[in-house]
Amino acid sequence: MIHGAASTPSRVTTAAIAKHMRVTQGALFRHFPTKEAIWQAVMEWVADRLLARIDRAARGIESPLAAM
């Protein structure tokens, strides 16, 4: 598993990502042209899920301060 200090984007290799996802490095690059594209997709995925959770948590709360 990828975690700890080695999980900073600059230190995680595409080989480690592929191994963790149980695909080949070639398969990874068939879907993402660069390592940066992988990280962009990761951040978009995280942002989508985080914003959805925030929206669900704030549903029905009138005060912006209470919603936070």
PDB file of N, CA and C in Angstrom:
ATOM      1  N   MET A   1       0.840  -1.177   0.000  1.00  0.00           N
ATOM      2  CA  MET A   1       0.000   0.000   0.000  1.00  0.00           C
ATOM      3  C   MET A   1       0.882   1.235   0.000  1.00  0.00           C
ATOM      4  N   ILE A   2       0.373   2.311  -0.612  1.00  0.00           N
ATOM      5  CA  ILE A   2       1.102   3.562  -0.696  1.00  0.00           C
ATOM      6  C   ILE A   2       0.633   4.462   0.439  1.00  0.00           C
ATOM      7  N   HIS A   3       1.528   4.772   1.383  1.00  0.00           N
ATOM      8  CA  HIS A   3       1.190   5.693   2.463  1.00  0.00           C
ATOM      9  C   HIS A   3       2.437   6.163   3.165  1.00  0.00           C
ATOM     10  N   GLY A   4       2.291   7.065   4.125  1.00  0.00           N
ATOM     11  CA  GLY A   4       3.429   7.589   4.856  1.00  0.00           C
ATOM     12  C   GLY A   4       4.151   8.661   4.072  1.00  0.00           C
ATOM     13  N   ALA A   5       5.393   8.922   4.449  1.00  0.00           N
ATOM     14  CA  ALA A   5       6.178   9.983   3.805  1.00  0.00           C
ATOM     15  C   ALA A   5       6.360   9.724   2.318  1.00  0.00           C
ATOM     16  N   ALA A   6       6.356   8.454   1.925  1.00  0.00           N
ATOM     17  CA  ALA A   6       6.541   8.128   0.509  1.00  0.00           C
ATOM     18  C   ALA A   6       5.317   8.477  -0.321  1.00  0.00           C
ATOM     19  N   SER A   7       4.214   8.866   0.326  1.00  0.00           N
ATOM     20  CA  SER A   7       2.998   9.130  -0.443  1.00  0.00           C
ATOM     21  C   SER A   7       2.881  10.570  -0.912  1.00  0.00           C
ATOM     22  N   THR A   8       3.936  11.375  -0.743  1.00  0.00           N
ATOM     23  CA  THR A   8       3.900  12.702  -1.342  1.00  0.00           C
ATOM     24  C   THR A   8       3.986  12.512  -2.848  1.00  0.00           C
ATOM     25  N   PRO A   9       3.247  13.310  -3.611  1.00  0.00           N
ATOM     26  CA  PRO A   9       3.190  13.089  -5.062  1.00  0.00           C
ATOM     27  C   PRO A   9       4.546  12.967  -5.742  1.00  0.00           C
ATOM     28  N   SER A  10       5.504  13.745  -5.315  1.00  0.00           N
ATOM     29  CA  SER A  10       6.810  13.702  -5.975  1.00  0.00           C
ATOM     30  C   SER A  10       7.573  12.410  -5.710  1.00  0.00           C
ATOM     31  N   ARG A  11       7.220  11.698  -4.643  1.00  0.00           N
ATOM     32  CA  ARG A  11       7.952  10.483  -4.284  1.00  0.00           C
ATOM     33  C   ARG A  11       7.248   9.200  -4.697  1.00  0.00           C
ATOM     34  N   VAL A  12       5.975   9.272  -5.058  1.00  0.00           N
ATOM     35  CA  VAL A  12       5.238   8.079  -5.473  1.00  0.00           C
ATOM     36  C   VAL A  12       5.524   7.834  -6.952  1.00  0.00           C
ATOM     37  N   THR A  13       5.987   6.652  -7.257  1.00  0.00           N
ATOM     38  CA  THR A  13       6.306   6.325  -8.651  1.00  0.00           C
ATOM     39  C   THR A  13       5.078   5.768  -9.365  1.00  0.00           C
ATOM     40  N   THR A  14       5.086   5.891 -10.677  1.00  0.00           N
ATOM     41  CA  THR A  14       3.987   5.306 -11.447  1.00  0.00           C
ATOM     42  C   THR A  14       4.013   3.785 -11.336  1.00  0.00           C
ATOM     43  N   ALA A  15       5.185   3.213 -11.128  1.00  0.00           N
ATOM     44  CA  ALA A  15       5.272   1.762 -10.922  1.00  0.00           C
ATOM     45  C   ALA A  15       4.552   1.373  -9.634  1.00  0.00           C
ATOM     46  N   ALA A  16       4.708   2.169  -8.570  1.00  0.00           N
ATOM     47  CA  ALA A  16       4.032   1.893  -7.301  1.00  0.00           C
ATOM     48  C   ALA A  16       2.517   2.052  -7.440  1.00  0.00           C
ATOM     49  N   ILE A  17       2.104   3.068  -8.189  1.00  0.00           N
ATOM     50  CA  ILE A  17       0.664   3.273  -8.419  1.00  0.00           C
ATOM     51  C   ILE A  17       0.091   2.073  -9.160  1.00  0.00           C
ATOM     52  N   ALA A  18       0.751   1.661 -10.215  1.00  0.00           N
ATOM     53  CA  ALA A  18       0.284   0.523 -11.010  1.00  0.00           C
ATOM     54  C   ALA A  18       0.223  -0.747 -10.161  1.00  0.00           C
ATOM     55  N   LYS A  19       1.247  -0.982  -9.367  1.00  0.00           N
ATOM     56  CA  LYS A  19       1.268  -2.169  -8.504  1.00  0.00           C
ATOM     57  C   LYS A  19       0.107  -2.130  -7.515  1.00  0.00           C
ATOM     58  N   HIS A  20      -0.127  -0.979  -6.894  1.00  0.00           N
ATOM     59  CA  HIS A  20      -1.214  -0.830  -5.921  1.00  0.00           C
ATOM     60  C   HIS A  20      -2.574  -1.068  -6.575  1.00  0.00           C
ATOM     61  N   MET A  21      -2.712  -0.642  -7.822  1.00  0.00           N
ATOM     62  CA  MET A  21      -3.985  -0.798  -8.535  1.00  0.00           C
ATOM     63  C   MET A  21      -4.093  -2.151  -9.251  1.00  0.00           C
ATOM     64  N   ARG A  22      -3.038  -2.942  -9.158  1.00  0.00           N
ATOM     65  CA  ARG A  22      -2.981  -4.266  -9.789  1.00  0.00           C
ATOM     66  C   ARG A  22      -3.152  -4.208 -11.305  1.00  0.00           C
ATOM     67  N   VAL A  23      -2.455  -3.230 -11.892  1.00  0.00           N
ATOM     68  CA  VAL A  23      -2.395  -3.114 -13.353  1.00  0.00           C
ATOM     69  C   VAL A  23      -0.931  -2.938 -13.726  1.00  0.00           C
ATOM     70  N   THR A  24      -0.651  -3.055 -15.001  1.00  0.00           N
ATOM     71  CA  THR A  24       0.723  -2.811 -15.449  1.00  0.00           C
ATOM     72  C   THR A  24       0.933  -1.307 -15.599  1.00  0.00           C
ATOM     73  N   GLN A  25       2.187  -0.924 -15.597  1.00  0.00           N
ATOM     74  CA  GLN A  25       2.501   0.490 -15.792  1.00  0.00           C
ATOM     75  C   GLN A  25       2.041   0.927 -17.187  1.00  0.00           C
ATOM     76  N   GLY A  26       2.148   0.044 -18.158  1.00  0.00           N
ATOM     77  CA  GLY A  26       1.676   0.348 -19.510  1.00  0.00           C
ATOM     78  C   GLY A  26       0.185   0.614 -19.540  1.00  0.00           C
ATOM     79  N   ALA A  27      -0.579  -0.191 -18.794  1.00  0.00           N
ATOM     80  CA  ALA A  27      -2.033   0.014 -18.739  1.00  0.00           C
ATOM     81  C   ALA A  27      -2.351   1.357 -18.095  1.00  0.00           C
ATOM     82  N   LEU A  28      -1.594   1.723 -17.093  1.00  0.00           N
ATOM     83  CA  LEU A  28      -1.790   3.008 -16.431  1.00  0.00           C
ATOM     84  C   LEU A  28      -1.612   4.150 -17.430  1.00  0.00           C
ATOM     85  N   PHE A  29      -0.570   4.052 -18.243  1.00  0.00           N
ATOM     86  CA  PHE A  29      -0.293   5.111 -19.216  1.00  0.00           C
ATOM     87  C   PHE A  29      -1.185   5.054 -20.454  1.00  0.00           C
ATOM     88  N   ARG A  30      -1.959   3.999 -20.624  1.00  0.00           N
ATOM     89  CA  ARG A  30      -2.972   3.997 -21.685  1.00  0.00           C
ATOM     90  C   ARG A  30      -4.137   4.897 -21.294  1.00  0.00           C
ATOM     91  N   HIS A  31      -4.334   5.082 -19.999  1.00  0.00           N
ATOM     92  CA  HIS A  31      -5.436   5.906 -19.500  1.00  0.00           C
ATOM     93  C   HIS A  31      -4.994   7.317 -19.127  1.00  0.00           C
ATOM     94  N   PHE A  32      -3.747   7.476 -18.723  1.00  0.00           N
ATOM     95  CA  PHE A  32      -3.226   8.772 -18.297  1.00  0.00           C
ATOM     96  C   PHE A  32      -1.923   9.039 -19.042  1.00  0.00           C
ATOM     97  N   PRO A  33      -1.839  10.164 -19.752  1.00  0.00           N
ATOM     98  CA  PRO A  33      -0.627  10.416 -20.552  1.00  0.00           C
ATOM     99  C   PRO A  33       0.619  10.726 -19.724  1.00  0.00           C
ATOM    100  N   THR A  34       0.428  11.257 -18.494  1.00  0.00           N
ATOM    101  CA  THR A  34       1.566  11.639 -17.657  1.00  0.00           C
ATOM    102  C   THR A  34       1.245  11.375 -16.190  1.00  0.00           C
ATOM    103  N   LYS A  35       2.281  11.411 -15.374  1.00  0.00           N
ATOM    104  CA  LYS A  35       2.094  11.282 -13.925  1.00  0.00           C
ATOM    105  C   LYS A  35       1.263  12.448 -13.403  1.00  0.00           C
ATOM    106  N   GLU A  36       1.487  13.630 -13.956  1.00  0.00           N
ATOM    107  CA  GLU A  36       0.717  14.803 -13.551  1.00  0.00           C
ATOM    108  C   GLU A  36      -0.766  14.614 -13.843  1.00  0.00           C
ATOM    109  N   ALA A  37      -1.089  13.966 -14.957  1.00  0.00           N
ATOM    110  CA  ALA A  37      -2.487  13.703 -15.304  1.00  0.00           C
ATOM    111  C   ALA A  37      -3.122  12.744 -14.299  1.00  0.00           C
ATOM    112  N   ILE A  38      -2.342  11.808 -13.802  1.00  0.00           N
ATOM    113  CA  ILE A  38      -2.838  10.889 -12.767  1.00  0.00           C
ATOM    114  C   ILE A  38      -3.198  11.691 -11.525  1.00  0.00           C
ATOM    115  N   TRP A  39      -2.276  12.556 -11.066  1.00  0.00           N
ATOM    116  CA  TRP A  39      -2.539  13.346  -9.863  1.00  0.00           C
ATOM    117  C   TRP A  39      -3.706  14.309 -10.053  1.00  0.00           C
ATOM    118  N   GLN A  40      -3.855  14.859 -11.257  1.00  0.00           N
ATOM    119  CA  GLN A  40      -4.993  15.745 -11.506  1.00  0.00           C
ATOM    120  C   GLN A  40      -6.300  14.963 -11.378  1.00  0.00           C
ATOM    121  N   ALA A  41      -6.343  13.759 -11.929  1.00  0.00           N
ATOM    122  CA  ALA A  41      -7.539  12.919 -11.826  1.00  0.00           C
ATOM    123  C   ALA A  41      -7.820  12.549 -10.372  1.00  0.00           C
ATOM    124  N   VAL A  42      -6.774  12.261  -9.615  1.00  0.00           N
ATOM    125  CA  VAL A  42      -6.945  11.948  -8.191  1.00  0.00           C
ATOM    126  C   VAL A  42      -7.549  13.139  -7.460  1.00  0.00           C
ATOM    127  N   MET A  43      -7.008  14.327  -7.694  1.00  0.00           N
ATOM    128  CA  MET A  43      -7.498  15.514  -6.997  1.00  0.00           C
ATOM    129  C   MET A  43      -8.937  15.845  -7.399  1.00  0.00           C
ATOM    130  N   GLU A  44      -9.288  15.643  -8.659  1.00  0.00           N
ATOM    131  CA  GLU A  44     -10.674  15.865  -9.091  1.00  0.00           C
ATOM    132  C   GLU A  44     -11.608  14.874  -8.400  1.00  0.00           C
ATOM    133  N   TRP A  45     -11.191  13.617  -8.287  1.00  0.00           N
ATOM    134  CA  TRP A  45     -11.992  12.590  -7.626  1.00  0.00           C
ATOM    135  C   TRP A  45     -12.204  12.948  -6.161  1.00  0.00           C
ATOM    136  N   VAL A  46     -11.128  13.343  -5.487  1.00  0.00           N
ATOM    137  CA  VAL A  46     -11.220  13.719  -4.074  1.00  0.00           C
ATOM    138  C   VAL A  46     -12.122  14.945  -3.903  1.00  0.00           C
ATOM    139  N   ALA A  47     -11.934  15.962  -4.729  1.00  0.00           N
ATOM    140  CA  ALA A  47     -12.736  17.184  -4.623  1.00  0.00           C
ATOM    141  C   ALA A  47     -14.217  16.884  -4.827  1.00  0.00           C
ATOM    142  N   ASP A  48     -14.544  16.071  -5.829  1.00  0.00           N
ATOM    143  CA  ASP A  48     -15.948  15.708  -6.082  1.00  0.00           C
ATOM    144  C   ASP A  48     -16.567  15.046  -4.860  1.00  0.00           C
ATOM    145  N   ARG A  49     -15.873  14.101  -4.284  1.00  0.00           N
ATOM    146  CA  ARG A  49     -16.416  13.382  -3.131  1.00  0.00           C
ATOM    147  C   ARG A  49     -16.480  14.258  -1.882  1.00  0.00           C
ATOM    148  N   LEU A  50     -15.478  15.073  -1.679  1.00  0.00           N
ATOM    149  CA  LEU A  50     -15.467  15.963  -0.522  1.00  0.00           C
ATOM    150  C   LEU A  50     -16.609  16.972  -0.603  1.00  0.00           C
ATOM    151  N   LEU A  51     -16.781  17.588  -1.771  1.00  0.00           N
ATOM    152  CA  LEU A  51     -17.861  18.569  -1.925  1.00  0.00           C
ATOM    153  C   LEU A  51     -19.226  17.917  -1.778  1.00  0.00           C
ATOM    154  N   ALA A  52     -19.381  16.696  -2.270  1.00  0.00           N
ATOM    155  CA  ALA A  52     -20.652  15.985  -2.113  1.00  0.00           C
ATOM    156  C   ALA A  52     -20.934  15.720  -0.641  1.00  0.00           C
ATOM    157  N   ARG A  53     -19.929  15.337   0.128  1.00  0.00           N
ATOM    158  CA  ARG A  53     -20.116  15.106   1.567  1.00  0.00           C
ATOM    159  C   ARG A  53     -20.454  16.399   2.301  1.00  0.00           C
ATOM    160  N   ILE A  54     -19.804  17.466   1.927  1.00  0.00           N
ATOM    161  CA  ILE A  54     -20.096  18.759   2.549  1.00  0.00           C
ATOM    162  C   ILE A  54     -21.533  19.164   2.242  1.00  0.00           C
ATOM    163  N   ASP A  55     -21.948  19.005   0.993  1.00  0.00           N
ATOM    164  CA  ASP A  55     -23.327  19.326   0.611  1.00  0.00           C
ATOM    165  C   ASP A  55     -24.325  18.504   1.414  1.00  0.00           C
ATOM    166  N   ARG A  56     -24.067  17.208   1.557  1.00  0.00           N
ATOM    167  CA  ARG A  56     -24.978  16.351   2.337  1.00  0.00           C
ATOM    168  C   ARG A  56     -25.013  16.769   3.806  1.00  0.00           C
ATOM    169  N   ALA A  57     -23.856  17.095   4.351  1.00  0.00           N
ATOM    170  CA  ALA A  57     -23.779  17.471   5.764  1.00  0.00           C
ATOM    171  C   ALA A  57     -24.486  18.796   6.030  1.00  0.00           C
ATOM    172  N   ALA A  58     -24.443  19.712   5.075  1.00  0.00           N
ATOM    173  CA  ALA A  58     -25.026  21.040   5.269  1.00  0.00           C
ATOM    174  C   ALA A  58     -26.497  21.111   4.872  1.00  0.00           C
ATOM    175  N   ARG A  59     -27.021  20.040   4.283  1.00  0.00           N
ATOM    176  CA  ARG A  59     -28.407  20.026   3.841  1.00  0.00           C
ATOM    177  C   ARG A  59     -29.345  20.304   5.009  1.00  0.00           C
ATOM    178  N   GLY A  60     -30.243  21.270   4.837  1.00  0.00           N
ATOM    179  CA  GLY A  60     -31.237  21.580   5.851  1.00  0.00           C
ATOM    180  C   GLY A  60     -30.759  22.526   6.927  1.00  0.00           C
ATOM    181  N   ILE A  61     -29.516  22.957   6.874  1.00  0.00           N
ATOM    182  CA  ILE A  61     -28.997  23.889   7.867  1.00  0.00           C
ATOM    183  C   ILE A  61     -29.110  25.296   7.286  1.00  0.00           C
ATOM    184  N   GLU A  62     -29.781  26.153   8.009  1.00  0.00           N
ATOM    185  CA  GLU A  62     -30.058  27.523   7.513  1.00  0.00           C
ATOM    186  C   GLU A  62     -28.857  28.449   7.627  1.00  0.00           C
ATOM    187  N   SER A  63     -28.142  28.403   8.718  1.00  0.00           N
ATOM    188  CA  SER A  63     -27.054  29.342   8.967  1.00  0.00           C
ATOM    189  C   SER A  63     -25.761  28.882   8.283  1.00  0.00           C
ATOM    190  N   PRO A  64     -25.146  29.762   7.487  1.00  0.00           N
ATOM    191  CA  PRO A  64     -23.858  29.396   6.866  1.00  0.00           C
ATOM    192  C   PRO A  64     -22.813  29.022   7.918  1.00  0.00           C
ATOM    193  N   LEU A  65     -22.809  29.716   9.050  1.00  0.00           N
ATOM    194  CA  LEU A  65     -21.847  29.417  10.102  1.00  0.00           C
ATOM    195  C   LEU A  65     -22.094  28.022  10.679  1.00  0.00           C
ATOM    196  N   ALA A  66     -23.359  27.680  10.916  1.00  0.00           N
ATOM    197  CA  ALA A  66     -23.694  26.353  11.436  1.00  0.00           C
ATOM    198  C   ALA A  66     -23.391  25.278  10.397  1.00  0.00           C
ATOM    199  N   ALA A  67     -23.531  25.603   9.129  1.00  0.00           N
ATOM    200  CA  ALA A  67     -23.270  24.640   8.050  1.00  0.00           C
ATOM    201  C   ALA A  67     -21.797  24.266   7.991  1.00  0.00           C
ATOM    202  N   MET A  68     -20.947  25.200   8.401  1.00  0.00           N
ATOM    203  CA  MET A  68     -19.508  24.925   8.386  1.00  0.00           C
ATOM    204  C   MET A  68     -19.163  24.061   9.558  1.00  0.00           C
TER     205      MET A  68
END
